[in-house]
């Protein structure tokens, strides 16, 4: 492996650093500590993903189908979600006098069939929570 490791113990804590070895096969390797460089690279990739969530949210964020706006953009209906989840069409269509009937139906389906979406936690952790993705406001 073309990585050199060094470390020390100070005050009972281990300090570990890794650097690329200066060899012909790695003549263009970036300078710096490997862990820090890897995190910087990860952040660059995360920025691209966050931009995709912002620009193409309805196609890349699985939570989009649980918003009325997402359904409209995809051309889907609540009944389409019900059917895809294995429920009869109209399964959640119960009488409701409130103005938020569709919102409540989507919430019910979301609880029953949606998996966890974890990208927002990474956007937040690394200070990229600039998304205007409507799905990010669901949780």
Protein backbone atom coordinates (compact mmCIF):
# COMPACT_ATOMS: atom_id res chain seq x y z
CA UNK A 1 0.00 0.00 0.00
CA UNK A 2 1.54 3.35 -1.00
CA UNK A 3 0.72 5.05 2.29
CA UNK A 4 3.18 5.76 5.07
CA UNK A 5 1.94 5.83 8.66
CA UNK A 6 3.31 7.57 11.67
CA UNK A 7 1.98 8.09 15.13
CA UNK A 8 2.67 8.89 18.73
CA UNK A 9 1.12 8.58 22.13
CA UNK A 10 0.85 11.79 24.10
CA UNK A 11 -1.06 12.13 27.38
CA UNK A 12 -2.51 8.66 26.84
CA UNK A 13 -3.99 9.59 23.45
CA UNK A 14 -2.89 8.12 20.14
CA UNK A 15 -2.20 10.56 17.33
CA UNK A 16 -2.07 8.81 13.96
CA UNK A 17 -1.11 10.38 10.62
CA UNK A 18 -0.87 8.88 7.14
CA UNK A 19 0.79 10.25 4.00
CA UNK A 20 1.16 9.05 0.44
CA UNK A 21 4.57 7.55 -0.25
CA UNK A 22 6.59 9.45 -2.84
CA UNK A 23 6.89 6.79 -5.55
CA UNK A 24 6.74 6.90 -9.34
CA UNK A 25 3.24 5.38 -9.49
CA UNK A 26 1.94 8.17 -7.25
CA UNK A 27 3.87 11.11 -8.66
CA UNK A 28 0.66 13.18 -8.84
CA UNK A 29 -0.69 12.20 -5.44
CA UNK A 30 -1.87 15.20 -3.44
CA UNK A 31 0.28 16.41 -0.59
CA UNK A 32 -1.10 16.22 2.89
CA UNK A 33 -2.43 13.86 5.49
CA UNK A 34 -4.43 11.06 3.83
CA UNK A 35 -7.40 11.17 6.22
CA UNK A 36 -7.83 14.92 5.76
CA UNK A 37 -7.49 14.58 1.97
CA UNK A 38 -10.09 11.79 1.95
CA UNK A 39 -12.53 13.93 3.92
CA UNK A 40 -12.00 16.85 1.53
CA UNK A 41 -12.69 14.52 -1.42
CA UNK A 42 -15.79 13.18 0.34
CA UNK A 43 -17.04 16.75 0.84
CA UNK A 44 -16.61 17.53 -2.85
CA UNK A 45 -18.69 14.47 -3.75
CA UNK A 46 -21.27 15.36 -1.09
CA UNK A 47 -21.60 18.86 -2.59
CA UNK A 48 -22.43 17.34 -5.97
CA UNK A 49 -25.01 15.04 -4.38
CA UNK A 50 -26.56 17.94 -2.46
CA UNK A 51 -26.79 19.93 -5.70
CA UNK A 52 -28.59 16.97 -7.29
CA UNK A 53 -31.00 16.85 -4.34
CA UNK A 54 -31.65 20.56 -4.83
CA UNK A 55 -32.06 20.46 -8.62
CA UNK A 56 -33.56 16.99 -9.18
CA UNK A 57 -35.11 16.29 -5.79
CA UNK A 58 -38.24 14.71 -7.16
CA UNK A 59 -36.17 12.04 -8.95
CA UNK A 60 -33.45 11.31 -6.39
CA UNK A 61 -35.12 11.79 -3.00
CA UNK A 62 -37.45 8.89 -2.16
CA UNK A 63 -39.44 11.18 0.13
CA UNK A 64 -40.63 13.23 -2.87
CA UNK A 65 -43.56 10.93 -3.60
CA UNK A 66 -44.96 11.73 -0.17
CA UNK A 67 -45.45 15.41 -1.05
CA UNK A 68 -48.28 16.80 -3.14
CA UNK A 69 -45.78 18.81 -5.18
CA UNK A 70 -43.65 15.72 -5.83
CA UNK A 71 -46.68 13.70 -6.90
CA UNK A 72 -47.75 16.46 -9.30
CA UNK A 73 -44.27 16.70 -10.86
CA UNK A 74 -44.10 12.93 -11.31
CA UNK A 75 -47.66 12.67 -12.59
CA UNK A 76 -48.57 10.24 -9.83
CA UNK A 77 -51.58 10.07 -7.54
CA UNK A 78 -51.97 8.93 -3.96
CA UNK A 79 -53.74 5.87 -5.32
CA UNK A 80 -50.62 5.05 -7.36
CA UNK A 81 -48.58 4.98 -4.15
CA UNK A 82 -51.19 2.83 -2.43
CA UNK A 83 -51.14 0.33 -5.29
CA UNK A 84 -47.32 0.27 -5.46
CA UNK A 85 -47.24 -0.45 -1.72
CA UNK A 86 -49.63 -3.38 -2.11
CA UNK A 87 -52.74 -1.64 -0.78
CA UNK A 88 -55.98 -1.36 -2.73
CA UNK A 89 -56.41 1.93 -4.62
CA UNK A 90 -58.31 4.34 -2.36
CA UNK A 91 -57.20 2.51 0.79
CA UNK A 92 -56.43 5.75 2.65
CA UNK A 93 -59.36 7.67 1.15
CA UNK A 94 -61.51 7.96 4.25
CA UNK A 95 -63.91 10.79 4.96
CA UNK A 96 -62.13 13.85 6.29
CA UNK A 97 -63.65 17.30 6.51
CA UNK A 98 -60.27 19.02 6.91
CA UNK A 99 -58.40 20.91 4.24
CA UNK A 100 -55.40 18.65 4.73
CA UNK A 101 -56.91 15.31 3.66
CA UNK A 102 -54.27 14.57 1.03
CA UNK A 103 -51.50 15.66 3.40
CA UNK A 104 -52.81 13.23 6.03
CA UNK A 105 -53.12 10.40 3.50
CA UNK A 106 -49.52 10.96 2.38
CA UNK A 107 -48.31 11.01 5.99
CA UNK A 108 -50.03 7.71 6.67
CA UNK A 109 -48.51 6.10 3.59
CA UNK A 110 -45.12 7.57 4.40
CA UNK A 111 -45.17 5.95 7.84
CA UNK A 112 -46.17 2.60 6.36
CA UNK A 113 -43.96 2.25 3.30
CA UNK A 114 -41.13 4.76 3.26
CA UNK A 115 -37.62 3.73 4.19
CA UNK A 116 -35.17 6.00 5.95
CA UNK A 117 -33.59 8.82 3.99
CA UNK A 118 -30.18 9.60 5.43
CA UNK A 119 -28.67 12.17 3.08
CA UNK A 120 -30.03 15.18 4.97
CA UNK A 121 -28.04 14.17 8.06
CA UNK A 122 -24.82 14.32 6.03
CA UNK A 123 -25.79 17.65 4.45
CA UNK A 124 -26.43 19.03 7.92
CA UNK A 125 -23.29 17.52 9.50
CA UNK A 126 -21.05 19.06 6.86
CA UNK A 127 -22.86 22.40 6.66
CA UNK A 128 -24.49 21.79 3.28
CA UNK A 129 -28.08 22.10 4.41
CA UNK A 130 -28.85 24.74 1.80
CA UNK A 131 -31.32 22.58 -0.05
CA UNK A 132 -34.63 24.00 -1.14
CA UNK A 133 -35.75 20.43 -1.71
CA UNK A 134 -39.35 20.28 -0.38
CA UNK A 135 -38.74 16.73 0.87
CA UNK A 136 -36.12 17.99 3.31
CA UNK A 137 -38.82 19.74 5.30
CA UNK A 138 -40.78 16.53 5.96
CA UNK A 139 -38.81 15.14 8.89
